[in-house]
């Protein structure tokens, strides 16, 4: 909105020039002329230097208010906002009766908006009583208010200025553009009624829905590498995207239009940063990816600065999301998996006493720590908490031999090593066949163990990516996928479909600011997954940054069943 300032300034200075005495005009005409020419030449720093000496009030300096105003114009154009603000405040203080104070207030409002001081900017513009500036002031408000991306900031302005039509109408526009959530219904109706806005535009059935949502997929396709090498190394990215394309088709059949744009985003953080700085990415309704940790940090900053929701499709590390309200993990973090498993164990098994064994690896140590902390927090007791190293088979066997299983509610073994699994199964078979065991789903793929052995025992598998291969939805997808791509879908293809379908539905229901509605969305079954959601039921449905549903499965008649369904 800086472009209109010279128009205001030119008219103002013409009037001032005729109003001044002849001697004053002669004394200051050269400085005035130079300052104006320098501004027209866009040499703003020189204009400021030229005008500054005649901005101080004095009995012989009748040009001071005009020079101060013109100096502020140059300072704003030079993006020297503090200087512009100070000069305009000086102008208001030293020349309160200057007839062109409404122009100064308009200019100061512009400066305050540029500084992000929205409340003061609105107060300044609302003080203008000049009828010829009213329309310009309203346009200035709308221009800057539309640039606000933080909903909380806008709600504070709406509360502070409930009678300001520009504030209210812009908030209504932002609701339609993606901020809307079910609880906004009354607020929107009140705004439309109070400010006599177009009811068809703001309250019609389709007002909250865009015709299409733009989604960017930043995945490591590695198109700059040898085709054969890239295909082998990054097949997961191709499969993930293929699943997303399938979901795009399914959503379209339901009237939900997703424009899906693919970008090659690998390990080169500079290239990823460049992508995220482009206007097209900043205008997306959702960004999926990038997948690597170093690039994910850059995406997190992008999400915060541009108020664009970003979903990491593969990470299980909560640090990737941090406390950023615009970043989500599609998968469950290690911490969430462990805590949910511990909560299930505490609520299911008696007595509330556990033995926890864990492999001497970083991930297994972390999992066991989260599990132990949650179990203790709920009121359980841990009779033993021991580290094992499966590479040392004799030492591992000795640990299991020394376990005291009497009076224990369940055993938890966090290791995907065959040695640990075989020792666990052998111990339970010989000493405590009915003792519940909590472990990883990886055990189902250990060749030295049969499904019958695992079925005969009370084993509960933490199975975050569980998909029922016999379900009609999975079988239908597998058939469609094979027909389209001439290969069966991988787990990444299922994940890509589920992710795009879930977030595409959220976009349709709540707009691009769907994160504001996740608290009321809760957990619900997915197309293939047994549950998806970002609310923690154990914490009054607080919104979390990762998927909060962790399937716990158990073999029954050699078939896996989910023992903790969403409903």
Protein backbone atom coordinates (compact mmCIF):
# COMPACT_ATOMS: atom_id res chain seq x y z
CA UNK A 1 0.00 0.00 0.00
CA UNK A 2 3.02 2.30 -0.15
CA UNK A 3 2.20 3.07 -3.78
CA UNK A 4 -0.59 5.53 -2.89
CA UNK A 5 1.57 7.67 -0.61
CA UNK A 6 3.15 9.82 -3.29
CA UNK A 7 -0.31 10.68 -4.61
CA UNK A 8 -1.33 11.91 -1.16
CA UNK A 9 1.99 13.68 -0.63
CA UNK A 10 1.94 15.50 -3.97
CA UNK A 11 -1.47 17.05 -3.36
CA UNK A 12 -0.54 17.95 0.19
CA UNK A 13 2.66 19.74 -0.76
CA UNK A 14 0.99 21.74 -3.53
CA UNK A 15 -1.49 23.20 -1.05
CA UNK A 16 1.26 23.88 1.49
CA UNK A 17 3.43 25.70 -1.02
CA UNK A 18 0.74 28.31 -1.74
CA UNK A 19 -0.04 28.70 1.97
CA UNK A 20 3.46 29.79 3.04
CA UNK A 21 4.80 33.36 3.06
CA UNK A 22 6.88 34.42 0.08
CA UNK A 23 10.09 34.81 2.08
CA UNK A 24 9.76 31.31 3.59
CA UNK A 25 9.04 29.86 0.18
CA UNK A 26 12.21 31.47 -1.13
CA UNK A 27 14.32 30.32 1.82
CA UNK A 28 13.22 26.70 1.67
CA UNK A 29 12.25 26.23 -1.96
CA UNK A 30 15.54 24.65 -2.96
CA UNK A 31 15.50 22.10 -0.14
CA UNK A 32 11.87 21.32 -0.77
CA UNK A 33 12.36 20.90 -4.46
CA UNK A 34 15.39 18.69 -3.96
CA UNK A 35 13.61 16.48 -1.44
CA UNK A 36 10.61 15.98 -3.69
CA UNK A 37 12.73 15.24 -6.75
CA UNK A 38 14.83 12.74 -4.82
CA UNK A 39 11.69 10.89 -3.72
CA UNK A 40 10.36 10.83 -7.27
CA UNK A 41 13.73 9.40 -8.34
CA UNK A 42 13.37 6.75 -5.60
CA UNK A 43 16.57 7.98 -3.91
CA UNK A 44 14.97 7.79 -0.52
CA UNK A 45 18.04 7.90 1.71
CA UNK A 46 19.25 11.11 0.05
CA UNK A 47 15.76 12.58 0.29
CA UNK A 48 15.73 11.92 4.03
CA UNK A 49 19.13 13.57 4.45
CA UNK A 50 17.98 16.58 2.41
CA UNK A 51 14.73 17.07 4.31
CA UNK A 52 15.89 16.35 7.84
CA UNK A 53 17.30 19.86 8.59
CA UNK A 54 13.93 21.53 7.97
CA UNK A 55 11.79 19.07 9.96
CA UNK A 56 12.32 20.87 13.28
CA UNK A 57 9.64 23.35 14.33
CA UNK A 58 10.67 26.97 14.65
CA UNK A 59 9.21 30.46 14.37
CA UNK A 60 10.81 31.02 10.97
CA UNK A 61 10.32 27.46 9.67
CA UNK A 62 6.79 27.12 8.42
CA UNK A 63 7.85 24.23 6.24
CA UNK A 64 8.51 21.92 9.21
CA UNK A 65 5.23 19.95 9.11
CA UNK A 66 5.36 19.44 5.34
CA UNK A 67 9.02 18.50 5.45
CA UNK A 68 8.35 16.06 8.31
CA UNK A 69 5.59 14.41 6.35
CA UNK A 70 7.69 14.11 3.23
CA UNK A 71 10.62 12.78 5.27
CA UNK A 72 8.31 10.05 6.66
CA UNK A 73 7.21 9.13 3.14
CA UNK A 74 10.85 8.68 2.12
CA UNK A 75 11.64 6.69 5.27
CA UNK A 76 8.73 4.33 4.67
CA UNK A 77 9.79 3.85 1.07
CA UNK A 78 13.33 3.11 2.27
CA UNK A 79 11.90 0.60 4.76
CA UNK A 80 13.28 2.63 7.65
CA UNK A 81 10.17 2.18 9.71
CA UNK A 82 11.39 3.42 13.12
CA UNK A 83 12.54 6.71 11.54
CA UNK A 84 9.21 7.13 9.76
CA UNK A 85 7.27 6.40 12.93
CA UNK A 86 9.29 8.81 15.08
CA UNK A 87 8.97 11.62 12.55
CA UNK A 88 5.21 11.24 12.22
CA UNK A 89 4.77 11.15 15.98
CA UNK A 90 6.92 14.29 16.17
CA UNK A 91 4.71 15.88 13.52
CA UNK A 92 1.58 15.07 15.50
CA UNK A 93 3.09 16.36 18.74
CA UNK A 94 4.61 19.58 17.43
CA UNK A 95 1.88 20.54 14.95
CA UNK A 96 -1.45 19.26 16.32
CA UNK A 97 -3.39 21.96 14.42
CA UNK A 98 -1.76 21.29 11.07
CA UNK A 99 -4.71 21.01 8.66
CA UNK A 100 -3.32 17.88 7.00
CA UNK A 101 -3.05 15.76 10.12
CA UNK A 102 -5.47 13.16 8.63
CA UNK A 103 -2.84 12.52 5.95
CA UNK A 104 -0.21 12.04 8.64
CA UNK A 105 -2.49 9.62 10.51
CA UNK A 106 -3.02 7.64 7.33
CA UNK A 107 0.71 7.47 6.74
CA UNK A 108 1.40 6.52 10.36
CA UNK A 109 -1.21 3.76 10.11
CA UNK A 110 0.67 2.42 7.10
CA UNK A 111 3.96 2.47 9.01
CA UNK A 112 2.45 0.75 12.05
CA UNK A 113 1.01 -2.01 9.89
CA UNK A 114 4.41 -2.53 8.28
CA UNK A 115 5.88 -2.90 11.78
CA UNK A 116 3.24 -5.48 12.73
CA UNK A 117 1.71 -3.19 15.37
CA UNK A 118 -1.83 -3.98 14.27
CA UNK A 119 -3.74 -2.58 17.23
CA UNK A 120 -2.02 0.81 17.07
CA UNK A 121 -2.41 0.88 13.29
CA UNK A 122 -6.16 0.34 13.56
CA UNK A 123 -6.45 2.93 16.32
CA UNK A 124 -4.60 5.48 14.18
CA UNK A 125 -6.70 4.86 11.08
CA UNK A 126 -9.93 4.88 13.07
CA UNK A 127 -9.06 8.34 14.34
CA UNK A 128 -9.27 9.79 10.82
CA UNK A 129 -12.38 11.91 10.31
CA UNK A 130 -11.62 13.14 6.80
CA UNK A 131 -14.31 11.82 4.46
CA UNK A 132 -11.93 11.88 1.47
CA UNK A 133 -9.57 9.44 3.26
CA UNK A 134 -12.14 7.04 4.67
CA UNK A 135 -12.19 4.72 1.66
CA UNK A 136 -8.38 4.69 1.42
CA UNK A 137 -8.09 3.94 5.14
CA UNK A 138 -10.49 0.99 4.84
CA UNK A 139 -8.58 -0.39 1.87
CA UNK A 140 -5.32 -0.02 3.79
CA UNK A 141 -6.76 -1.99 6.71
CA UNK A 142 -8.01 -4.78 4.49
CA UNK A 143 -4.69 -5.04 2.68
CA UNK A 144 -2.67 -5.57 5.85
CA UNK A 145 -5.26 -7.58 7.77
CA UNK A 146 -5.34 -10.15 4.98
CA UNK A 147 -1.60 -10.69 5.53
CA UNK A 148 -2.10 -11.86 9.12
CA UNK A 149 -1.59 -15.63 9.26
CA UNK A 150 -1.92 -16.21 13.01
CA UNK A 151 -5.51 -16.83 14.02
CA UNK A 152 -4.94 -15.97 17.69
CA UNK A 153 -3.59 -12.55 16.71
CA UNK A 154 -6.63 -11.89 14.57
CA UNK A 155 -9.05 -13.01 17.27
CA UNK A 156 -7.46 -10.51 19.65
CA UNK A 157 -8.01 -7.74 17.09
CA UNK A 158 -11.61 -8.80 16.62
CA UNK A 159 -12.15 -8.70 20.37
CA UNK A 160 -10.41 -5.31 20.63
CA UNK A 161 -12.28 -3.79 17.66
CA UNK A 162 -15.64 -5.61 17.40
CA UNK A 163 -17.28 -2.67 15.56
CA UNK A 164 -14.58 -2.33 12.91
CA UNK A 165 -16.10 -3.63 9.69
CA UNK A 166 -12.72 -4.14 8.00
CA UNK A 167 -11.54 -6.35 10.86
CA UNK A 168 -14.79 -8.32 11.02
CA UNK A 169 -15.13 -8.82 7.26
CA UNK A 170 -11.50 -9.84 6.85
CA UNK A 171 -11.89 -12.39 9.64
CA UNK A 172 -14.98 -13.75 7.85
CA UNK A 173 -12.96 -13.99 4.63
CA UNK A 174 -10.24 -15.89 6.45
CA UNK A 175 -12.79 -18.30 7.89
CA UNK A 176 -13.94 -19.05 4.36
CA UNK A 177 -10.33 -19.37 3.18
CA UNK A 178 -9.53 -22.15 5.63
CA UNK A 179 -9.79 -21.03 9.25
CA UNK A 180 -13.38 -22.17 9.65
CA UNK A 181 -14.24 -24.81 12.23
CA UNK A 182 -17.68 -25.90 13.47
CA UNK A 183 -17.59 -23.74 16.59
CA UNK A 184 -17.15 -20.61 14.40
CA UNK A 185 -20.71 -20.87 13.09
CA UNK A 186 -22.24 -18.39 15.56
CA UNK A 187 -19.34 -15.94 15.25
CA UNK A 188 -19.64 -15.89 11.47
CA UNK A 189 -23.42 -15.43 11.62
CA UNK A 190 -23.01 -12.53 14.08
CA UNK A 191 -20.44 -10.83 11.83
CA UNK A 192 -22.64 -11.18 8.74
CA UNK A 193 -25.66 -9.80 10.59
CA UNK A 194 -23.90 -6.96 12.41
CA UNK A 195 -22.00 -5.65 9.40
CA UNK A 196 -24.66 -6.52 6.80
CA UNK A 197 -22.43 -8.75 4.71
CA UNK A 198 -23.62 -10.87 1.78
CA UNK A 199 -25.30 -13.91 3.36
CA UNK A 200 -25.03 -15.94 0.17
CA UNK A 201 -21.29 -15.43 0.10
CA UNK A 202 -20.57 -16.11 3.75
CA UNK A 203 -23.32 -18.46 4.95
CA UNK A 204 -24.23 -20.66 1.98
CA UNK A 205 -23.71 -24.42 2.18
CA UNK A 206 -20.66 -24.28 -0.08
CA UNK A 207 -19.09 -21.18 1.46
CA UNK A 208 -16.59 -23.14 3.54
CA UNK A 209 -15.39 -25.33 0.69
CA UNK A 210 -12.87 -24.49 -1.98
CA UNK A 211 -13.29 -25.92 -5.44
CA UNK A 212 -9.92 -27.68 -5.11
CA UNK A 213 -7.06 -27.93 -2.62
CA UNK A 214 -3.42 -27.75 -3.60
CA UNK A 215 -1.09 -30.32 -2.01
CA UNK A 216 2.67 -30.47 -2.56
CA UNK A 217 4.56 -33.76 -2.20
CA UNK A 218 8.25 -33.15 -1.47
CA UNK A 219 9.77 -36.60 -1.83
CA UNK A 220 13.26 -37.93 -2.67
CA UNK A 221 12.63 -39.16 -6.21
CA UNK A 222 16.33 -38.49 -6.96
CA UNK A 223 15.67 -37.69 -10.60
CA UNK A 224 19.21 -36.36 -10.99
CA UNK A 225 20.74 -39.79 -10.34
CA UNK A 226 21.18 -42.84 -12.55
CA UNK A 227 17.69 -44.16 -13.22
CA UNK A 228 18.43 -47.72 -12.13
CA UNK A 229 20.24 -46.68 -8.98
CA UNK A 230 17.57 -44.13 -8.02
CA UNK A 231 14.79 -46.64 -8.62
CA UNK A 232 16.35 -49.15 -6.25
CA UNK A 233 17.31 -46.68 -3.56
CA UNK A 234 14.18 -44.56 -3.55
CA UNK A 235 11.46 -47.02 -4.48
CA UNK A 236 9.74 -46.12 -1.21
CA UNK A 237 9.22 -42.53 -2.46
CA UNK A 238 7.75 -43.73 -5.74
CA UNK A 239 5.45 -46.15 -3.91
CA UNK A 240 4.38 -43.48 -1.45
CA UNK A 241 3.51 -41.10 -4.25
CA UNK A 242 1.72 -43.82 -6.22
CA UNK A 243 -0.50 -44.46 -3.21
CA UNK A 244 -1.20 -40.73 -2.92
CA UNK A 245 -2.26 -40.63 -6.57
CA UNK A 246 -4.64 -43.50 -5.98
CA UNK A 247 -6.16 -41.62 -3.04
CA UNK A 248 -6.49 -38.51 -5.19
CA UNK A 249 -8.65 -40.52 -7.59
CA UNK A 250 -10.77 -41.96 -4.79
CA UNK A 251 -11.34 -38.51 -3.31
CA UNK A 252 -12.32 -37.10 -6.68
CA UNK A 253 -15.05 -39.72 -7.01
CA UNK A 254 -16.46 -38.30 -3.78
CA UNK A 255 -16.38 -34.73 -5.04
CA UNK A 256 -13.16 -33.79 -3.21
CA UNK A 257 -10.71 -32.27 -5.67
CA UNK A 258 -7.02 -32.38 -4.81
CA UNK A 259 -4.38 -30.86 -7.06
CA UNK A 260 -1.29 -32.94 -6.27
CA UNK A 261 2.10 -31.48 -7.19
CA UNK A 262 5.31 -33.54 -6.97
CA UNK A 263 8.71 -32.01 -6.15
CA UNK A 264 12.04 -33.81 -6.01
CA UNK A 265 13.36 -33.15 -2.49
CA UNK A 266 16.31 -35.30 -1.47
CA UNK A 267 19.17 -34.84 0.96
CA UNK A 268 20.34 -31.50 -0.45
CA UNK A 269 19.05 -29.06 2.17
CA UNK A 270 19.96 -26.05 0.03
CA UNK A 271 17.75 -27.31 -2.78
CA UNK A 272 14.90 -28.03 -0.37
CA UNK A 273 15.24 -24.56 1.15
CA UNK A 274 15.07 -23.08 -2.33
CA UNK A 275 11.90 -25.00 -3.08
CA UNK A 276 10.22 -23.86 0.11
CA UNK A 277 11.03 -20.23 -0.64
CA UNK A 278 9.07 -20.24 -3.90
CA UNK A 279 5.68 -18.46 -3.93
CA UNK A 280 3.92 -21.58 -5.18
CA UNK A 281 4.91 -23.61 -2.10
CA UNK A 282 3.85 -20.79 0.22
CA UNK A 283 0.44 -20.86 -1.44
CA UNK A 284 -0.15 -24.58 -0.90
CA UNK A 285 -2.98 -25.82 1.31
CA UNK A 286 -0.80 -28.69 2.54
CA UNK A 287 2.80 -29.83 2.15
CA UNK A 288 3.72 -33.53 2.53
CA UNK A 289 7.42 -34.07 3.12
CA UNK A 290 10.34 -33.78 2.97
CA UNK A 291 11.26 -37.05 4.65
CA UNK A 292 14.86 -36.58 5.80
CA UNK A 293 15.54 -35.08 9.21
CA UNK A 294 17.82 -32.25 8.05
CA UNK A 295 15.29 -31.07 5.47
CA UNK A 296 12.40 -31.60 7.86
CA UNK A 297 13.82 -28.90 10.14
CA UNK A 298 13.75 -26.45 7.24
CA UNK A 299 10.16 -27.47 6.49
CA UNK A 300 9.28 -26.81 10.13
CA UNK A 301 10.49 -23.22 9.86
CA UNK A 302 8.61 -22.85 6.58
CA UNK A 303 5.41 -24.08 8.24
CA UNK A 304 5.72 -21.65 11.14
CA UNK A 305 6.57 -18.62 8.99
CA UNK A 306 3.87 -19.20 6.37
CA UNK A 307 1.14 -20.86 8.45
CA UNK A 308 1.07 -23.83 6.08
CA UNK A 309 0.50 -27.29 7.53
CA UNK A 310 3.31 -29.76 6.84
CA UNK A 311 3.08 -33.55 7.24
CA UNK A 312 6.18 -35.71 7.54
CA UNK A 313 5.11 -39.02 5.99
CA UNK A 314 7.69 -41.39 7.50
CA UNK A 315 9.40 -40.00 10.59
CA UNK A 316 8.77 -41.49 14.03
CA UNK A 317 10.80 -38.80 15.79
CA UNK A 318 8.72 -36.25 17.70
CA UNK A 319 11.59 -33.78 17.62
CA UNK A 320 10.89 -33.30 13.92
CA UNK A 321 7.55 -31.72 14.83
CA UNK A 322 8.54 -30.18 18.15
CA UNK A 323 5.86 -27.82 19.44
CA UNK A 324 5.09 -26.45 15.98
CA UNK A 325 1.27 -26.42 15.60
CA UNK A 326 1.62 -26.65 11.82
CA UNK A 327 3.78 -29.80 11.66
CA UNK A 328 2.50 -33.36 12.00
CA UNK A 329 3.93 -36.84 11.74
CA UNK A 330 1.71 -39.21 9.81
CA UNK A 331 3.17 -42.15 11.70
CA UNK A 332 3.17 -42.67 15.44
CA UNK A 333 6.35 -41.66 17.19
CA UNK A 334 8.38 -44.15 19.18
CA UNK A 335 7.31 -42.33 22.35
CA UNK A 336 3.62 -42.61 21.49
CA UNK A 337 3.90 -46.28 20.54
CA UNK A 338 5.57 -47.11 23.85
CA UNK A 339 3.20 -45.05 25.97
CA UNK A 340 0.07 -46.39 24.31
CA UNK A 341 1.34 -49.96 24.66
CA UNK A 342 2.12 -49.40 28.34
CA UNK A 343 -1.33 -47.89 28.88
CA UNK A 344 -2.98 -50.91 27.27
CA UNK A 345 -0.90 -53.28 29.40
CA UNK A 346 -1.74 -51.41 32.59
CA UNK A 347 -5.47 -51.38 31.82
CA UNK A 348 -5.57 -55.04 30.72
CA UNK A 349 -3.23 -57.21 32.77
CA UNK A 350 -3.29 -58.14 36.45
CA UNK A 351 -1.47 -57.61 38.69
CA UNK A 352 -0.08 -54.20 37.73
CA UNK A 353 3.50 -55.43 37.87
CA UNK A 354 5.84 -55.82 34.91
CA UNK A 355 9.25 -57.14 33.94
CA UNK A 356 10.83 -55.14 31.11
CA UNK A 357 13.76 -56.39 29.02
CA UNK A 358 15.27 -54.40 26.19
CA UNK A 359 17.94 -54.78 23.56
CA UNK A 360 21.11 -52.73 23.88
CA UNK A 361 20.32 -50.48 20.90
CA UNK A 362 19.39 -46.80 20.83
CA UNK A 363 15.83 -47.32 19.57
CA UNK A 364 15.03 -50.21 21.91
CA UNK A 365 16.46 -48.38 24.91
CA UNK A 366 14.31 -45.35 24.09
CA UNK A 367 11.20 -47.48 23.61
CA UNK A 368 11.72 -49.27 26.91
CA UNK A 369 12.26 -46.00 28.76
CA UNK A 370 9.03 -44.48 27.47
CA UNK A 371 7.19 -47.71 28.27
CA UNK A 372 8.56 -47.89 31.80
CA UNK A 373 7.85 -44.22 32.53
CA UNK A 374 4.24 -44.51 31.39
CA UNK A 375 3.59 -47.74 33.27
CA UNK A 376 4.96 -46.22 36.49
CA UNK A 377 3.05 -42.99 35.91
CA UNK A 378 -0.22 -44.91 35.72
CA UNK A 379 0.53 -46.58 39.05
CA UNK A 380 2.16 -49.83 37.95
CA UNK A 381 5.28 -51.42 39.39
CA UNK A 382 8.34 -52.64 37.51
CA UNK A 383 9.85 -55.68 39.21
CA UNK A 384 12.83 -55.83 36.85
CA UNK A 385 14.21 -53.56 34.15
CA UNK A 386 17.14 -55.21 32.36
CA UNK A 387 19.27 -54.69 29.29
CA UNK A 388 20.20 -57.62 27.05
CA UNK A 389 22.70 -57.99 24.21
CA UNK A 390 21.55 -60.73 21.86
CA UNK A 391 25.00 -60.93 20.28
CA UNK A 392 26.08 -62.50 23.56
CA UNK A 393 23.84 -65.56 23.47
CA UNK A 394 25.03 -67.12 26.72
CA UNK A 395 24.59 -63.91 28.69
CA UNK A 396 21.14 -63.39 27.16
CA UNK A 397 20.06 -66.92 28.11
CA UNK A 398 21.29 -66.31 31.66
CA UNK A 399 19.11 -63.20 31.99
CA UNK A 400 16.00 -65.15 31.03
CA UNK A 401 16.92 -68.05 33.29
CA UNK A 402 17.19 -65.75 36.30
CA UNK A 403 13.81 -64.07 35.77
CA UNK A 404 11.39 -64.39 38.67
CA UNK A 405 7.99 -64.57 37.03
CA UNK A 406 5.85 -65.27 40.08
CA UNK A 407 3.39 -62.47 40.86
CA UNK A 408 4.09 -60.70 37.57
CA UNK A 409 1.22 -59.25 35.53
CA UNK A 410 3.06 -59.22 32.22
CA UNK A 411 6.46 -59.44 30.56
CA UNK A 412 7.65 -56.84 28.02
CA UNK A 413 10.56 -57.64 25.71
CA UNK A 414 11.68 -54.91 23.33
CA UNK A 415 14.04 -56.47 20.83
CA UNK A 416 13.65 -57.67 17.26
CA UNK A 417 16.60 -60.06 17.52
CA UNK A 418 16.05 -63.76 17.02
CA UNK A 419 18.09 -64.65 20.14
CA UNK A 420 15.90 -62.53 22.39
CA UNK A 421 12.70 -63.82 20.77
CA UNK A 422 13.72 -67.48 20.99
CA UNK A 423 14.75 -67.16 24.65
CA UNK A 424 11.48 -65.42 25.49
CA UNK A 425 9.31 -68.03 23.81
CA UNK A 426 11.29 -70.88 25.38
CA UNK A 427 11.02 -69.32 28.84
CA UNK A 428 7.27 -68.79 28.58
CA UNK A 429 6.62 -72.25 27.15
CA UNK A 430 8.46 -73.94 30.02
CA UNK A 431 7.59 -71.70 32.95
CA UNK A 432 4.60 -69.40 32.33
CA UNK A 433 2.59 -70.22 29.24
CA UNK A 434 -0.30 -67.93 30.25
CA UNK A 435 1.81 -64.91 31.19
CA UNK A 436 1.02 -62.01 28.81
CA UNK A 437 3.94 -60.77 26.73
CA UNK A 438 4.18 -57.37 25.02
CA UNK A 439 6.66 -57.10 22.17
CA UNK A 440 7.20 -55.87 18.60
CA UNK A 441 5.31 -57.09 15.53
CA UNK A 442 8.70 -57.94 13.94
CA UNK A 443 8.56 -61.28 15.77
CA UNK A 444 5.92 -62.40 13.31
CA UNK A 445 8.62 -62.43 10.62
CA UNK A 446 11.30 -64.35 12.55
CA UNK A 447 11.68 -67.62 10.66
CA UNK A 448 12.83 -69.62 13.69
CA UNK A 449 9.45 -69.07 15.34
CA UNK A 450 6.26 -70.58 13.99
CA UNK A 451 2.91 -68.87 14.05
CA UNK A 452 1.60 -71.81 16.08
CA UNK A 453 4.20 -71.16 18.79
CA UNK A 454 3.24 -67.51 18.93
CA UNK A 455 -0.47 -68.31 18.85
CA UNK A 456 -0.23 -70.75 21.74
CA UNK A 457 1.21 -68.07 23.99
CA UNK A 458 -0.39 -64.84 25.23
CA UNK A 459 1.62 -62.50 23.02
CA UNK A 460 0.50 -58.95 22.26
CA UNK A 461 2.26 -57.22 19.38
CA UNK A 462 2.81 -53.45 19.15
CA UNK A 463 1.82 -53.16 15.50
CA UNK A 464 1.65 -49.50 14.36
CA UNK A 465 1.44 -50.27 10.63
CA UNK A 466 -0.97 -53.18 10.84
CA UNK A 467 -3.16 -53.73 7.77
CA UNK A 468 -5.67 -56.56 7.49
CA UNK A 469 -4.75 -58.09 4.14
CA UNK A 470 -8.05 -59.99 4.03
CA UNK A 471 -10.29 -56.93 4.34
CA UNK A 472 -12.39 -56.06 1.25
CA UNK A 473 -10.91 -52.55 1.11
CA UNK A 474 -7.35 -53.87 0.99
CA UNK A 475 -8.17 -56.52 -1.59
CA UNK A 476 -9.92 -53.97 -3.80
CA UNK A 477 -7.00 -51.56 -3.54
CA UNK A 478 -4.49 -54.29 -4.28
CA UNK A 479 -6.39 -55.19 -7.45
CA UNK A 480 -6.67 -51.57 -8.63
CA UNK A 481 -3.04 -50.82 -7.83
CA UNK A 482 -1.75 -53.87 -9.70
CA UNK A 483 -3.84 -52.97 -12.72
CA UNK A 484 -2.43 -49.44 -12.77
CA UNK A 485 1.22 -50.06 -11.90
CA UNK A 486 1.73 -53.75 -12.82
CA UNK A 487 3.01 -54.62 -9.35
CA UNK A 488 1.49 -55.28 -5.94
CA UNK A 489 1.36 -52.37 -3.47
CA UNK A 490 4.10 -52.10 -0.88
CA UNK A 491 3.48 -50.88 2.69
CA UNK A 492 4.54 -47.43 1.48
CA UNK A 493 1.81 -47.45 -1.15
CA UNK A 494 -0.80 -48.21 1.51
CA UNK A 495 0.65 -45.46 3.69
CA UNK A 496 0.59 -42.96 0.82
CA UNK A 497 -3.04 -43.71 0.08
CA UNK A 498 -4.11 -43.58 3.72
CA UNK A 499 -2.25 -40.32 4.34
CA UNK A 500 -3.62 -38.52 1.28
CA UNK A 501 -7.14 -39.80 1.89
CA UNK A 502 -7.13 -38.75 5.54
CA UNK A 503 -5.72 -35.28 5.04
CA UNK A 504 -7.70 -34.73 1.85
CA UNK A 505 -10.86 -35.37 3.82
CA UNK A 506 -9.70 -32.96 6.52
CA UNK A 507 -9.10 -30.29 3.88
CA UNK A 508 -12.60 -30.74 2.56
CA UNK A 509 -14.23 -30.68 5.99
CA UNK A 510 -12.22 -27.94 7.66
CA UNK A 511 -10.13 -26.16 5.05
CA UNK A 512 -6.37 -25.69 5.00
CA UNK A 513 -6.31 -24.75 8.71
CA UNK A 514 -7.69 -28.15 9.69
CA UNK A 515 -5.26 -28.34 12.62
CA UNK A 516 -7.63 -26.01 14.46
CA UNK A 517 -10.32 -28.72 14.33
CA UNK A 518 -8.28 -31.81 15.19
CA UNK A 519 -9.36 -31.65 18.83
CA UNK A 520 -12.94 -32.37 17.84
CA UNK A 521 -12.02 -34.83 15.08
CA UNK A 522 -10.78 -37.48 17.51
CA UNK A 523 -9.70 -40.97 16.45
CA UNK A 524 -11.45 -42.79 13.64
CA UNK A 525 -10.85 -45.84 11.44
CA UNK A 526 -8.94 -45.27 8.23
CA UNK A 527 -9.47 -46.99 4.90
CA UNK A 528 -6.79 -49.60 5.64
CA UNK A 529 -5.46 -48.56 9.04
CA UNK A 530 -7.47 -49.47 12.09
CA UNK A 531 -7.28 -45.98 13.45
CA UNK A 532 -5.96 -42.50 12.69
CA UNK A 533 -6.12 -39.37 14.78
CA UNK A 534 -4.17 -36.73 16.60
CA UNK A 535 -6.03 -36.51 19.90
CA UNK A 536 -4.87 -38.21 23.08
CA UNK A 537 -7.92 -39.80 24.67
CA UNK A 538 -6.05 -40.21 27.96
CA UNK A 539 -5.45 -36.44 28.15
CA UNK A 540 -8.92 -34.98 27.49
CA UNK A 541 -8.40 -35.28 23.74
CA UNK A 542 -5.47 -32.87 23.61
CA UNK A 543 -4.08 -32.45 20.11
CA UNK A 544 -0.71 -34.15 19.55
CA UNK A 545 1.76 -33.90 16.71
CA UNK A 546 1.72 -37.60 15.70
CA UNK A 547 -0.84 -40.34 15.08
CA UNK A 548 -2.19 -41.41 18.46
CA UNK A 549 -3.70 -44.79 17.57
CA UNK A 550 -1.41 -47.80 17.96
CA UNK A 551 -2.94 -51.16 17.02
CA UNK A 552 -2.18 -53.92 19.51
CA UNK A 553 -2.58 -57.28 17.76
CA UNK A 554 -2.77 -60.87 18.93
CA UNK A 555 -2.90 -64.19 17.10
CA UNK A 556 -6.19 -66.04 17.42
CA UNK A 557 -6.44 -69.27 15.43
CA UNK A 558 -3.39 -68.14 13.46
CA UNK A 559 -5.11 -64.90 12.45
CA UNK A 560 -4.05 -61.49 13.74
CA UNK A 561 -6.80 -59.52 15.44
CA UNK A 562 -6.73 -56.00 16.86
CA UNK A 563 -7.46 -56.14 20.57
CA UNK A 564 -7.83 -52.36 21.06
CA UNK A 565 -10.16 -51.16 18.27
CA UNK A 566 -11.05 -47.48 18.01
CA UNK A 567 -14.72 -48.19 18.69
